[in-house]
Amino acid sequence: MMAVADPTLRVERAMHREGVRYVIGCDEVGRGAIAGPVGVGFSVVGVGVRKHPDGLRDSKMLAEKRREELAPLAASWSLFSAVGLASSQEVDAIGIMAALGLAGRRALTQLHEAGVAIHESVVLLDGSFDWLSPALSKPPRVRLRVKADRDCASVAAASVIAKVHRDRLMIEADEAIPGYGWKGNKGYGSTEHYAAIDALGPSELHRHTWLHERAELDLSQHG
């Protein structure tokens, strides 16, 4: 298997040379989970940013222990960082894309309150679809890049920061509402997680619309 290259600051530095004051790396976590919030992480890098922490990668490419080690390093390396959340109830009420936008708006508010000049910045958003701008009355410039979480250090940092933040919330939830294995599955739909839902019923942290869709699919396949 071909080794995956470490992320770089090539894209961010090119934008700085274009006159962008801040590049705000952005990534989402928890999008495919069936329980718990969806989260959006931001990592802000300015002109003259130093080399990113050794071993920084997209959070999906790191073991949990390594993510825990890297998260504080990524946060201290970032000029500013933030994580915004939208709850499972909000995902149910407005849908996943709007919930991503809501979480992103909350994270941008944190950056604004910390003193980041949002409209002198460009948000470097992982993926090919801009779910952030529709949630904002005055959106900043957004640049989409597929695999930015793999290739761009600011987005990789945002990914790790957001992933660890959300994982810790799910570990705490596992203690408060035991039985679903959230300490291990972090709210994602493992076989054991679905078995626990069948045995215990869904909790208030589950995305009920998603479980309903699964139940309807099961019924159509086996009815």
N, C-alpha and C. Protein backbone atom coordinates (compact mmCIF):
# COMPACT_ATOMS: atom_id res chain seq x y z
N MET A 1 0.85 -1.20 0.00
CA MET A 1 0.00 0.00 0.00
C MET A 1 0.88 1.25 0.00
N MET A 2 0.55 2.19 -0.87
CA MET A 2 1.33 3.41 -0.96
C MET A 2 1.12 4.28 0.29
N ALA A 3 2.21 4.78 0.86
CA ALA A 3 2.12 5.63 2.04
C ALA A 3 1.44 6.95 1.69
N VAL A 4 0.64 7.45 2.61
CA VAL A 4 -0.02 8.74 2.43
C VAL A 4 0.90 9.84 2.93
N ALA A 5 1.08 10.87 2.12
CA ALA A 5 1.97 11.96 2.51
C ALA A 5 1.39 12.75 3.67
N ASP A 6 2.27 13.28 4.50
CA ASP A 6 1.82 14.14 5.59
C ASP A 6 1.22 15.42 5.03
N PRO A 7 0.29 16.04 5.77
CA PRO A 7 -0.24 17.33 5.31
C PRO A 7 0.85 18.40 5.31
N THR A 8 0.64 19.41 4.51
CA THR A 8 1.58 20.51 4.41
C THR A 8 0.84 21.84 4.59
N LEU A 9 1.59 22.93 4.55
CA LEU A 9 1.02 24.28 4.59
C LEU A 9 1.10 24.95 3.23
N ARG A 10 1.27 24.15 2.19
CA ARG A 10 1.43 24.71 0.84
C ARG A 10 0.20 25.53 0.44
N VAL A 11 -0.99 25.00 0.65
CA VAL A 11 -2.21 25.70 0.24
C VAL A 11 -2.40 26.96 1.08
N GLU A 12 -2.21 26.83 2.38
CA GLU A 12 -2.39 27.99 3.27
C GLU A 12 -1.40 29.11 2.94
N ARG A 13 -0.15 28.75 2.71
CA ARG A 13 0.85 29.78 2.42
C ARG A 13 0.60 30.44 1.07
N ALA A 14 0.08 29.69 0.10
CA ALA A 14 -0.28 30.29 -1.18
C ALA A 14 -1.39 31.32 -0.99
N MET A 15 -2.35 31.03 -0.13
CA MET A 15 -3.42 32.00 0.13
C MET A 15 -2.89 33.22 0.87
N HIS A 16 -1.96 33.01 1.78
CA HIS A 16 -1.34 34.17 2.45
C HIS A 16 -0.63 35.07 1.43
N ARG A 17 0.02 34.46 0.46
CA ARG A 17 0.70 35.26 -0.57
C ARG A 17 -0.28 36.04 -1.43
N GLU A 18 -1.52 35.53 -1.49
CA GLU A 18 -2.57 36.24 -2.23
C GLU A 18 -3.14 37.42 -1.43
N GLY A 19 -2.72 37.56 -0.18
CA GLY A 19 -3.18 38.66 0.65
C GLY A 19 -4.19 38.29 1.71
N VAL A 20 -4.47 37.00 1.87
CA VAL A 20 -5.39 36.55 2.90
C VAL A 20 -4.73 36.67 4.27
N ARG A 21 -5.40 37.31 5.21
CA ARG A 21 -4.81 37.51 6.54
C ARG A 21 -4.80 36.22 7.34
N TYR A 22 -5.95 35.54 7.39
CA TYR A 22 -6.06 34.28 8.13
C TYR A 22 -6.65 33.21 7.21
N VAL A 23 -6.11 32.02 7.29
CA VAL A 23 -6.74 30.84 6.69
C VAL A 23 -7.33 30.04 7.84
N ILE A 24 -8.61 29.74 7.72
CA ILE A 24 -9.32 29.02 8.77
C ILE A 24 -9.62 27.61 8.26
N GLY A 25 -8.80 26.65 8.68
CA GLY A 25 -9.05 25.27 8.32
C GLY A 25 -10.31 24.78 8.99
N CYS A 26 -11.14 24.04 8.25
CA CYS A 26 -12.45 23.62 8.75
C CYS A 26 -12.72 22.16 8.41
N ASP A 27 -13.19 21.41 9.41
CA ASP A 27 -13.60 20.03 9.17
C ASP A 27 -14.72 19.67 10.13
N GLU A 28 -15.54 18.69 9.72
CA GLU A 28 -16.67 18.27 10.54
C GLU A 28 -16.43 16.88 11.10
N VAL A 29 -17.06 16.60 12.23
CA VAL A 29 -16.98 15.28 12.86
C VAL A 29 -18.37 14.86 13.33
N GLY A 30 -18.60 13.56 13.36
CA GLY A 30 -19.87 13.05 13.85
C GLY A 30 -20.99 13.08 12.84
N ARG A 31 -20.66 13.36 11.60
CA ARG A 31 -21.70 13.48 10.57
C ARG A 31 -22.46 12.15 10.37
N GLY A 32 -21.75 11.05 10.42
CA GLY A 32 -22.38 9.77 10.16
C GLY A 32 -22.81 9.01 11.39
N ALA A 33 -22.70 9.63 12.55
CA ALA A 33 -23.08 8.96 13.80
C ALA A 33 -24.60 8.86 13.90
N ILE A 34 -25.07 7.93 14.72
CA ILE A 34 -26.52 7.82 14.97
C ILE A 34 -26.89 8.35 16.35
N ALA A 35 -25.88 8.77 17.12
CA ALA A 35 -26.13 9.36 18.44
C ALA A 35 -25.09 10.44 18.69
N GLY A 36 -25.50 11.44 19.45
CA GLY A 36 -24.60 12.51 19.82
C GLY A 36 -24.59 13.65 18.82
N PRO A 37 -23.87 14.71 19.14
CA PRO A 37 -23.87 15.90 18.30
C PRO A 37 -23.03 15.73 17.05
N VAL A 38 -23.25 16.62 16.11
CA VAL A 38 -22.32 16.82 15.02
C VAL A 38 -21.46 18.01 15.40
N GLY A 39 -20.17 17.96 15.03
CA GLY A 39 -19.27 19.03 15.41
C GLY A 39 -18.52 19.59 14.22
N VAL A 40 -18.16 20.86 14.31
CA VAL A 40 -17.35 21.53 13.30
C VAL A 40 -16.17 22.17 13.99
N GLY A 41 -14.97 21.83 13.53
CA GLY A 41 -13.76 22.38 14.10
C GLY A 41 -13.11 23.39 13.18
N PHE A 42 -12.49 24.41 13.78
CA PHE A 42 -11.74 25.41 13.04
C PHE A 42 -10.34 25.53 13.62
N SER A 43 -9.37 25.69 12.75
CA SER A 43 -7.98 25.97 13.14
C SER A 43 -7.50 27.15 12.31
N VAL A 44 -7.13 28.23 12.97
CA VAL A 44 -6.76 29.47 12.30
C VAL A 44 -5.24 29.57 12.20
N VAL A 45 -4.74 29.83 10.99
CA VAL A 45 -3.30 30.05 10.79
C VAL A 45 -3.11 31.40 10.11
N GLY A 46 -2.13 32.13 10.61
CA GLY A 46 -1.82 33.44 10.06
C GLY A 46 -0.55 33.43 9.24
N VAL A 47 -0.22 34.59 8.70
CA VAL A 47 1.01 34.74 7.93
C VAL A 47 2.20 34.41 8.84
N GLY A 48 3.16 33.66 8.30
CA GLY A 48 4.34 33.30 9.08
C GLY A 48 4.12 32.13 10.01
N VAL A 49 3.04 31.37 9.80
CA VAL A 49 2.77 30.22 10.66
C VAL A 49 3.95 29.26 10.63
N ARG A 50 4.30 28.74 11.80
CA ARG A 50 5.42 27.81 11.88
C ARG A 50 4.95 26.41 11.51
N LYS A 51 5.91 25.50 11.37
CA LYS A 51 5.60 24.13 10.98
C LYS A 51 4.63 23.50 11.96
N HIS A 52 3.73 22.72 11.42
CA HIS A 52 2.72 22.06 12.24
C HIS A 52 3.34 20.93 13.06
N PRO A 53 2.66 20.46 14.11
CA PRO A 53 3.21 19.40 14.97
C PRO A 53 3.52 18.13 14.18
N ASP A 54 4.62 17.51 14.53
CA ASP A 54 5.01 16.26 13.89
C ASP A 54 3.92 15.20 14.09
N GLY A 55 3.63 14.48 13.03
CA GLY A 55 2.65 13.39 13.12
C GLY A 55 1.22 13.82 12.92
N LEU A 56 0.98 15.12 12.72
CA LEU A 56 -0.40 15.59 12.52
C LEU A 56 -0.96 14.98 11.25
N ARG A 57 -2.15 14.42 11.35
CA ARG A 57 -2.84 13.82 10.21
C ARG A 57 -4.34 14.07 10.37
N ASP A 58 -5.08 13.79 9.32
CA ASP A 58 -6.52 13.72 9.42
C ASP A 58 -6.88 12.78 10.57
N SER A 59 -7.85 13.16 11.39
CA SER A 59 -8.17 12.39 12.59
C SER A 59 -8.54 10.95 12.27
N LYS A 60 -9.12 10.70 11.10
CA LYS A 60 -9.53 9.34 10.74
C LYS A 60 -8.33 8.42 10.51
N MET A 61 -7.16 9.00 10.33
CA MET A 61 -5.95 8.22 10.06
C MET A 61 -5.11 8.00 11.31
N LEU A 62 -5.62 8.41 12.46
CA LEU A 62 -4.87 8.34 13.70
C LEU A 62 -5.59 7.45 14.71
N ALA A 63 -4.83 6.72 15.48
CA ALA A 63 -5.40 5.96 16.59
C ALA A 63 -5.89 6.92 17.67
N GLU A 64 -6.82 6.46 18.49
CA GLU A 64 -7.42 7.34 19.49
C GLU A 64 -6.36 7.93 20.43
N LYS A 65 -5.43 7.11 20.89
CA LYS A 65 -4.40 7.60 21.81
C LYS A 65 -3.56 8.69 21.16
N ARG A 66 -3.24 8.51 19.88
CA ARG A 66 -2.42 9.50 19.18
C ARG A 66 -3.22 10.79 18.97
N ARG A 67 -4.51 10.68 18.69
CA ARG A 67 -5.33 11.88 18.56
C ARG A 67 -5.34 12.66 19.87
N GLU A 68 -5.47 11.95 20.99
CA GLU A 68 -5.48 12.61 22.29
C GLU A 68 -4.17 13.35 22.54
N GLU A 69 -3.06 12.77 22.09
CA GLU A 69 -1.76 13.42 22.26
C GLU A 69 -1.63 14.65 21.37
N LEU A 70 -2.17 14.56 20.16
CA LEU A 70 -1.99 15.63 19.19
C LEU A 70 -2.95 16.80 19.38
N ALA A 71 -4.12 16.55 19.95
CA ALA A 71 -5.13 17.61 20.04
C ALA A 71 -4.61 18.87 20.75
N PRO A 72 -3.99 18.76 21.94
CA PRO A 72 -3.50 19.99 22.57
C PRO A 72 -2.36 20.64 21.80
N LEU A 73 -1.55 19.83 21.11
CA LEU A 73 -0.48 20.39 20.29
C LEU A 73 -1.05 21.14 19.10
N ALA A 74 -2.09 20.57 18.48
CA ALA A 74 -2.74 21.24 17.35
C ALA A 74 -3.41 22.53 17.79
N ALA A 75 -4.01 22.52 18.97
CA ALA A 75 -4.69 23.72 19.47
C ALA A 75 -3.68 24.83 19.79
N SER A 76 -2.55 24.47 20.39
CA SER A 76 -1.55 25.48 20.73
C SER A 76 -0.82 25.97 19.49
N TRP A 77 -0.69 25.11 18.48
CA TRP A 77 -0.07 25.53 17.22
C TRP A 77 -0.96 26.51 16.48
N SER A 78 -2.27 26.30 16.52
CA SER A 78 -3.21 27.19 15.85
C SER A 78 -3.20 28.56 16.51
N LEU A 79 -3.33 29.59 15.69
CA LEU A 79 -3.43 30.93 16.25
C LEU A 79 -4.68 31.04 17.12
N PHE A 80 -5.78 30.48 16.63
CA PHE A 80 -7.02 30.30 17.38
C PHE A 80 -7.63 28.98 16.93
N SER A 81 -8.42 28.38 17.79
CA SER A 81 -9.18 27.19 17.39
C SER A 81 -10.54 27.23 18.07
N ALA A 82 -11.49 26.51 17.49
CA ALA A 82 -12.85 26.48 18.05
C ALA A 82 -13.55 25.23 17.57
N VAL A 83 -14.51 24.77 18.37
CA VAL A 83 -15.39 23.67 17.98
C VAL A 83 -16.82 24.10 18.27
N GLY A 84 -17.66 24.01 17.26
CA GLY A 84 -19.08 24.26 17.43
C GLY A 84 -19.86 22.96 17.30
N LEU A 85 -20.97 22.87 18.00
CA LEU A 85 -21.77 21.64 18.02
C LEU A 85 -23.21 21.94 17.66
N ALA A 86 -23.86 20.94 17.07
CA ALA A 86 -25.32 20.93 16.93
C ALA A 86 -25.80 19.60 17.49
N SER A 87 -26.81 19.64 18.32
CA SER A 87 -27.25 18.46 19.05
C SER A 87 -27.97 17.46 18.15
N SER A 88 -28.15 16.26 18.68
CA SER A 88 -28.91 15.24 17.95
C SER A 88 -30.34 15.71 17.71
N GLN A 89 -30.93 16.44 18.66
CA GLN A 89 -32.28 16.97 18.48
C GLN A 89 -32.31 17.98 17.33
N GLU A 90 -31.26 18.79 17.21
CA GLU A 90 -31.20 19.75 16.11
C GLU A 90 -30.99 19.03 14.78
N VAL A 91 -30.20 17.98 14.77
CA VAL A 91 -30.06 17.18 13.54
C VAL A 91 -31.43 16.64 13.13
N ASP A 92 -32.18 16.12 14.09
CA ASP A 92 -33.52 15.61 13.79
C ASP A 92 -34.44 16.70 13.25
N ALA A 93 -34.32 17.90 13.83
CA ALA A 93 -35.27 18.97 13.51
C ALA A 93 -34.99 19.61 12.16
N ILE A 94 -33.71 19.80 11.81
CA ILE A 94 -33.40 20.59 10.61
C ILE A 94 -32.60 19.83 9.56
N GLY A 95 -32.18 18.61 9.87
CA GLY A 95 -31.40 17.83 8.91
C GLY A 95 -29.91 18.02 9.11
N ILE A 96 -29.15 17.09 8.58
CA ILE A 96 -27.73 17.07 8.87
C ILE A 96 -26.97 18.24 8.24
N MET A 97 -27.31 18.62 7.02
CA MET A 97 -26.56 19.71 6.38
C MET A 97 -26.80 21.04 7.09
N ALA A 98 -28.05 21.33 7.43
CA ALA A 98 -28.33 22.56 8.17
C ALA A 98 -27.70 22.51 9.55
N ALA A 99 -27.65 21.32 10.16
CA ALA A 99 -27.02 21.19 11.48
C ALA A 99 -25.53 21.44 11.39
N LEU A 100 -24.89 20.98 10.32
CA LEU A 100 -23.47 21.30 10.12
C LEU A 100 -23.28 22.81 10.03
N GLY A 101 -24.14 23.46 9.27
CA GLY A 101 -24.04 24.91 9.16
C GLY A 101 -24.23 25.61 10.49
N LEU A 102 -25.19 25.12 11.29
CA LEU A 102 -25.43 25.69 12.62
C LEU A 102 -24.21 25.52 13.51
N ALA A 103 -23.62 24.33 13.51
CA ALA A 103 -22.42 24.09 14.31
C ALA A 103 -21.27 24.98 13.83
N GLY A 104 -21.13 25.11 12.51
CA GLY A 104 -20.09 25.99 11.99
C GLY A 104 -20.29 27.43 12.38
N ARG A 105 -21.55 27.90 12.35
CA ARG A 105 -21.85 29.28 12.76
C ARG A 105 -21.47 29.50 14.23
N ARG A 106 -21.74 28.51 15.07
CA ARG A 106 -21.39 28.65 16.48
C ARG A 106 -19.87 28.69 16.68
N ALA A 107 -19.15 27.90 15.90
CA ALA A 107 -17.68 27.93 16.01
C ALA A 107 -17.12 29.25 15.49
N LEU A 108 -17.68 29.76 14.39
CA LEU A 108 -17.22 31.05 13.88
C LEU A 108 -17.50 32.17 14.87
N THR A 109 -18.62 32.09 15.59
CA THR A 109 -18.93 33.08 16.62
C THR A 109 -17.84 33.08 17.70
N GLN A 110 -17.39 31.88 18.09
CA GLN A 110 -16.30 31.78 19.06
C GLN A 110 -15.05 32.47 18.54
N LEU A 111 -14.72 32.26 17.27
CA LEU A 111 -13.53 32.89 16.69
C LEU A 111 -13.68 34.41 16.65
N HIS A 112 -14.87 34.87 16.26
CA HIS A 112 -15.13 36.31 16.22
C HIS A 112 -14.96 36.92 17.61
N GLU A 113 -15.51 36.25 18.62
CA GLU A 113 -15.39 36.77 19.98
C GLU A 113 -13.96 36.74 20.49
N ALA A 114 -13.13 35.86 19.92
CA ALA A 114 -11.72 35.78 20.30
C ALA A 114 -10.87 36.82 19.57
N GLY A 115 -11.47 37.52 18.60
CA GLY A 115 -10.77 38.59 17.91
C GLY A 115 -10.33 38.29 16.50
N VAL A 116 -10.75 37.16 15.95
CA VAL A 116 -10.38 36.83 14.57
C VAL A 116 -11.21 37.69 13.61
N ALA A 117 -10.52 38.33 12.67
CA ALA A 117 -11.20 39.14 11.66
C ALA A 117 -11.75 38.19 10.58
N ILE A 118 -12.98 37.73 10.78
CA ILE A 118 -13.54 36.68 9.93
C ILE A 118 -13.58 37.11 8.47
N HIS A 119 -13.90 38.37 8.20
CA HIS A 119 -14.05 38.81 6.81
C HIS A 119 -12.73 39.24 6.18
N GLU A 120 -11.64 39.05 6.89
CA GLU A 120 -10.31 39.16 6.29
C GLU A 120 -9.70 37.77 6.15
N SER A 121 -10.55 36.77 6.25
CA SER A 121 -10.10 35.38 6.28
C SER A 121 -10.72 34.60 5.13
N VAL A 122 -10.15 33.43 4.88
CA VAL A 122 -10.75 32.46 3.98
C VAL A 122 -10.90 31.16 4.75
N VAL A 123 -12.10 30.58 4.69
CA VAL A 123 -12.33 29.27 5.30
C VAL A 123 -11.97 28.20 4.28
N LEU A 124 -11.02 27.36 4.64
CA LEU A 124 -10.59 26.24 3.81
C LEU A 124 -11.38 25.02 4.27
N LEU A 125 -12.39 24.67 3.47
CA LEU A 125 -13.39 23.68 3.88
C LEU A 125 -13.15 22.35 3.19
N ASP A 126 -13.04 21.30 3.98
CA ASP A 126 -12.86 19.97 3.42
C ASP A 126 -14.11 19.53 2.68
N GLY A 127 -13.93 19.01 1.46
CA GLY A 127 -15.06 18.47 0.71
C GLY A 127 -15.36 19.26 -0.54
N SER A 128 -16.49 18.93 -1.16
CA SER A 128 -16.88 19.55 -2.44
C SER A 128 -18.20 20.30 -2.34
N PHE A 129 -18.75 20.43 -1.13
CA PHE A 129 -20.04 21.11 -0.95
C PHE A 129 -19.94 22.10 0.20
N ASP A 130 -20.36 23.32 -0.06
CA ASP A 130 -20.31 24.38 0.95
C ASP A 130 -21.60 24.38 1.76
N TRP A 131 -21.57 23.71 2.92
CA TRP A 131 -22.72 23.69 3.81
C TRP A 131 -22.67 24.83 4.82
N LEU A 132 -21.54 25.58 4.85
CA LEU A 132 -21.36 26.63 5.84
C LEU A 132 -22.04 27.94 5.45
N SER A 133 -21.82 28.39 4.22
CA SER A 133 -22.31 29.72 3.82
C SER A 133 -23.82 29.90 3.98
N PRO A 134 -24.67 28.90 3.64
CA PRO A 134 -26.11 29.11 3.79
C PRO A 134 -26.55 29.37 5.23
N ALA A 135 -25.73 29.02 6.21
CA ALA A 135 -26.09 29.22 7.61
C ALA A 135 -25.72 30.61 8.13
N LEU A 136 -25.07 31.41 7.30
CA LEU A 136 -24.53 32.70 7.75
C LEU A 136 -25.18 33.85 6.99
N SER A 137 -25.47 34.92 7.70
CA SER A 137 -26.06 36.08 7.04
C SER A 137 -25.02 36.82 6.19
N LYS A 138 -23.78 36.82 6.65
CA LYS A 138 -22.68 37.44 5.90
C LYS A 138 -21.50 36.47 5.88
N PRO A 139 -21.56 35.48 5.02
CA PRO A 139 -20.51 34.45 5.04
C PRO A 139 -19.17 34.99 4.60
N PRO A 140 -18.09 34.46 5.18
CA PRO A 140 -16.76 34.78 4.69
C PRO A 140 -16.49 34.05 3.38
N ARG A 141 -15.34 34.31 2.79
CA ARG A 141 -14.96 33.54 1.61
C ARG A 141 -14.69 32.10 2.03
N VAL A 142 -15.18 31.18 1.22
CA VAL A 142 -15.01 29.76 1.48
C VAL A 142 -14.32 29.14 0.27
N ARG A 143 -13.27 28.40 0.51
CA ARG A 143 -12.60 27.66 -0.56
C ARG A 143 -12.74 26.18 -0.28
N LEU A 144 -13.34 25.47 -1.21
CA LEU A 144 -13.54 24.03 -1.06
C LEU A 144 -12.32 23.28 -1.58
N ARG A 145 -11.99 22.19 -0.91
CA ARG A 145 -10.90 21.34 -1.38
C ARG A 145 -11.17 19.90 -0.93
N VAL A 146 -11.32 19.02 -1.88
CA VAL A 146 -11.50 17.61 -1.58
C VAL A 146 -10.21 17.07 -0.98
N LYS A 147 -10.35 16.29 0.10
CA LYS A 147 -9.22 15.71 0.83
C LYS A 147 -8.35 16.77 1.51
N ALA A 148 -8.93 17.93 1.81
CA ALA A 148 -8.18 18.94 2.53
C ALA A 148 -7.77 18.46 3.91
N ASP A 149 -8.59 17.59 4.53
CA ASP A 149 -8.23 17.06 5.84
C ASP A 149 -6.98 16.20 5.78
N ARG A 150 -6.70 15.63 4.62
CA ARG A 150 -5.51 14.82 4.42
C ARG A 150 -4.30 15.66 4.01
N ASP A 151 -4.55 16.70 3.18
CA ASP A 151 -3.46 17.41 2.52
C ASP A 151 -3.06 18.72 3.19
N CYS A 152 -3.97 19.36 3.93
CA CYS A 152 -3.74 20.71 4.45
C CYS A 152 -3.64 20.68 5.97
N ALA A 153 -2.55 21.21 6.50
CA ALA A 153 -2.29 21.10 7.93
C ALA A 153 -3.36 21.79 8.77
N SER A 154 -3.86 22.94 8.31
CA SER A 154 -4.87 23.64 9.12
C SER A 154 -6.15 22.81 9.24
N VAL A 155 -6.52 22.12 8.17
CA VAL A 155 -7.74 21.32 8.19
C VAL A 155 -7.52 20.05 9.00
N ALA A 156 -6.34 19.45 8.87
CA ALA A 156 -6.01 18.28 9.70
C ALA A 156 -6.07 18.65 11.18
N ALA A 157 -5.54 19.82 11.53
CA ALA A 157 -5.59 20.27 12.93
C ALA A 157 -7.03 20.45 13.39
N ALA A 158 -7.86 21.07 12.55
CA ALA A 158 -9.27 21.23 12.90
C ALA A 158 -9.94 19.88 13.09
N SER A 159 -9.59 18.93 12.24
CA SER A 159 -10.16 17.59 12.33
C SER A 159 -9.83 16.93 13.66
N VAL A 160 -8.57 17.00 14.06
CA VAL A 160 -8.14 16.36 15.31
C VAL A 160 -8.76 17.05 16.52
N ILE A 161 -8.75 18.37 16.52
CA ILE A 161 -9.30 19.13 17.64
C ILE A 161 -10.78 18.82 17.83
N ALA A 162 -11.54 18.81 16.72
CA ALA A 162 -12.97 18.55 16.80
C ALA A 162 -13.27 17.11 17.18
N LYS A 163 -12.51 16.18 16.62
CA LYS A 163 -12.74 14.77 16.90
C LYS A 163 -12.53 14.45 18.38
N VAL A 164 -11.45 14.93 18.95
CA VAL A 164 -11.17 14.67 20.37
C VAL A 164 -12.21 15.34 21.25
N HIS A 165 -12.62 16.54 20.90
CA HIS A 165 -13.65 17.24 21.67
C HIS A 165 -14.95 16.44 21.69
N ARG A 166 -15.38 15.98 20.52
CA ARG A 166 -16.63 15.23 20.45
C ARG A 166 -16.50 13.87 21.12
N ASP A 167 -15.37 13.19 20.92
CA ASP A 167 -15.18 11.88 21.55
C ASP A 167 -15.29 11.98 23.07
N ARG A 168 -14.74 13.03 23.63
CA ARG A 168 -14.80 13.18 25.09
C ARG A 168 -16.24 13.38 25.56
N LEU A 169 -17.01 14.10 24.78
CA LEU A 169 -18.43 14.26 25.13
C LEU A 169 -19.15 12.92 25.11
N MET A 170 -18.84 12.08 24.14
CA MET A 170 -19.50 10.78 24.06
C MET A 170 -19.05 9.85 25.17
N ILE A 171 -17.79 9.95 25.59
CA ILE A 171 -17.31 9.15 26.72
C ILE A 171 -18.04 9.57 28.00
N GLU A 172 -18.22 10.88 28.19
CA GLU A 172 -18.98 11.36 29.34
C GLU A 172 -20.43 10.89 29.27
N ALA A 173 -21.00 10.90 28.07
CA ALA A 173 -22.39 10.46 27.91
C ALA A 173 -22.53 8.98 28.22
N ASP A 174 -21.51 8.20 27.94
CA ASP A 174 -21.54 6.76 28.21
C ASP A 174 -21.66 6.50 29.71
N GLU A 175 -21.07 7.37 30.50
CA GLU A 175 -21.17 7.22 31.96
C GLU A 175 -22.54 7.67 32.46
N ALA A 176 -23.09 8.71 31.83
CA ALA A 176 -24.38 9.25 32.27
C ALA A 176 -25.55 8.39 31.80
N ILE A 177 -25.42 7.84 30.60
CA ILE A 177 -26.50 7.01 30.02
C ILE A 177 -25.85 5.72 29.55
N PRO A 178 -25.61 4.77 30.47
CA PRO A 178 -24.85 3.57 30.11
C PRO A 178 -25.68 2.59 29.27
N GLY A 179 -24.96 1.65 28.67
CA GLY A 179 -25.61 0.56 27.96
C GLY A 179 -25.45 0.56 26.46
N TYR A 180 -25.05 1.70 25.89
CA TYR A 180 -24.96 1.81 24.43
C TYR A 180 -23.53 1.70 23.90
N GLY A 181 -22.56 1.61 24.79
CA GLY A 181 -21.18 1.44 24.37
C GLY A 181 -20.55 2.66 23.74
N TRP A 182 -21.02 3.86 24.12
CA TRP A 182 -20.51 5.08 23.48
C TRP A 182 -19.04 5.33 23.75
N LYS A 183 -18.53 4.81 24.84
CA LYS A 183 -17.10 4.98 25.11
C LYS A 183 -16.27 4.37 24.00
N GLY A 184 -16.77 3.28 23.42
CA GLY A 184 -16.06 2.63 22.32
C GLY A 184 -16.51 3.10 20.95
N ASN A 185 -17.83 3.17 20.72
CA ASN A 185 -18.31 3.46 19.36
C ASN A 185 -18.50 4.95 19.09
N LYS A 186 -18.46 5.78 20.11
CA LYS A 186 -18.59 7.23 20.00
C LYS A 186 -19.88 7.67 19.31
N GLY A 187 -20.89 6.81 19.36
CA GLY A 187 -22.18 7.16 18.78
C GLY A 187 -22.38 6.66 17.36
N TYR A 188 -21.39 5.99 16.81
CA TYR A 188 -21.53 5.45 15.46
C TYR A 188 -22.26 4.10 15.50
N GLY A 189 -22.77 3.68 14.35
CA GLY A 189 -23.69 2.56 14.31
C GLY A 189 -23.05 1.20 14.20
N SER A 190 -22.36 0.76 15.21
CA SER A 190 -21.80 -0.58 15.24
C SER A 190 -22.91 -1.61 15.46
N THR A 191 -22.59 -2.86 15.19
CA THR A 191 -23.55 -3.95 15.43
C THR A 191 -23.99 -3.97 16.89
N GLU A 192 -23.04 -3.80 17.80
CA GLU A 192 -23.35 -3.82 19.22
C GLU A 192 -24.22 -2.62 19.62
N HIS A 193 -23.98 -1.49 18.98
CA HIS A 193 -24.78 -0.29 19.28
C HIS A 193 -26.24 -0.51 18.86
N TYR A 194 -26.43 -1.03 17.67
CA TYR A 194 -27.80 -1.29 17.22
C TYR A 194 -28.49 -2.34 18.09
N ALA A 195 -27.71 -3.34 18.53
CA ALA A 195 -28.29 -4.36 19.42
C ALA A 195 -28.74 -3.74 20.74
N ALA A 196 -27.95 -2.78 21.26
CA ALA A 196 -28.32 -2.10 22.50
C ALA A 196 -29.58 -1.27 22.31
N ILE A 197 -29.72 -0.64 21.15
CA ILE A 197 -30.95 0.13 20.87
C ILE A 197 -32.15 -0.81 20.82
N ASP A 198 -31.99 -1.96 20.19
CA ASP A 198 -33.08 -2.94 20.13
C ASP A 198 -33.49 -3.40 21.53
N ALA A 199 -32.49 -3.53 22.42
CA ALA A 199 -32.77 -4.03 23.77
C ALA A 199 -33.29 -2.95 24.70
N LEU A 200 -32.73 -1.74 24.60
CA LEU A 200 -33.02 -0.67 25.56
C LEU A 200 -33.95 0.40 25.01
N GLY A 201 -34.10 0.44 23.69
CA GLY A 201 -34.80 1.56 23.07
C GLY A 201 -33.83 2.72 22.88
N PRO A 202 -34.19 3.67 22.05
CA PRO A 202 -33.30 4.83 21.83
C PRO A 202 -33.31 5.78 23.02
N SER A 203 -32.20 6.47 23.20
CA SER A 203 -32.08 7.47 24.27
C SER A 203 -32.33 8.86 23.70
N GLU A 204 -32.27 9.86 24.58
CA GLU A 204 -32.46 11.24 24.11
C GLU A 204 -31.28 11.72 23.28
N LEU A 205 -30.14 11.01 23.32
CA LEU A 205 -28.99 11.42 22.51
C LEU A 205 -28.99 10.80 21.12
N HIS A 206 -29.91 9.90 20.85
CA HIS A 206 -29.96 9.30 19.53
C HIS A 206 -30.64 10.24 18.52
N ARG A 207 -30.27 10.08 17.26
CA ARG A 207 -30.91 10.80 16.17
C ARG A 207 -32.11 9.96 15.74
N HIS A 208 -33.26 10.31 16.25
CA HIS A 208 -34.44 9.45 16.10
C HIS A 208 -34.91 9.34 14.66
N THR A 209 -34.75 10.42 13.89
CA THR A 209 -35.16 10.35 12.48
C THR A 209 -34.29 9.33 11.74
N TRP A 210 -33.01 9.25 12.12
CA TRP A 210 -32.12 8.31 11.44
C TRP A 210 -32.49 6.87 11.81
N LEU A 211 -32.84 6.65 13.07
CA LEU A 211 -33.26 5.30 13.49
C LEU A 211 -34.57 4.92 12.82
N HIS A 212 -35.45 5.89 12.66
CA HIS A 212 -36.73 5.62 12.00
C HIS A 212 -36.50 5.22 10.54
N GLU A 213 -35.59 5.93 9.87
CA GLU A 213 -35.28 5.59 8.48
C GLU A 213 -34.69 4.18 8.38
N ARG A 214 -33.85 3.81 9.34
CA ARG A 214 -33.28 2.46 9.33
C ARG A 214 -34.38 1.42 9.53
N ALA A 215 -35.29 1.71 10.47
CA ALA A 215 -36.38 0.77 10.73
C ALA A 215 -37.26 0.59 9.49
N GLU A 216 -37.53 1.69 8.78
CA GLU A 216 -38.33 1.60 7.57
C GLU A 216 -37.60 0.80 6.49
N LEU A 217 -36.27 0.99 6.40
CA LEU A 217 -35.49 0.24 5.42
C LEU A 217 -35.51 -1.24 5.74
N ASP A 218 -35.35 -1.56 7.02
CA ASP A 218 -35.39 -2.98 7.44
C ASP A 218 -36.75 -3.60 7.11
N LEU A 219 -37.79 -2.83 7.34
CA LEU A 219 -39.14 -3.33 7.08
C LEU A 219 -39.35 -3.58 5.59
N SER A 220 -38.85 -2.65 4.76
CA SER A 220 -39.02 -2.81 3.31
C SER A 220 -38.23 -4.00 2.78
N GLN A 221 -37.09 -4.31 3.42
CA GLN A 221 -36.25 -5.39 2.95
C GLN A 221 -36.74 -6.75 3.43
N HIS A 222 -37.43 -6.75 4.57
CA HIS A 222 -37.83 -8.02 5.17
C HIS A 222 -39.34 -8.18 5.30
N GLY A 223 -40.07 -7.15 4.86
CA GLY A 223 -41.51 -7.21 5.03
C GLY A 223 -42.19 -8.10 3.98
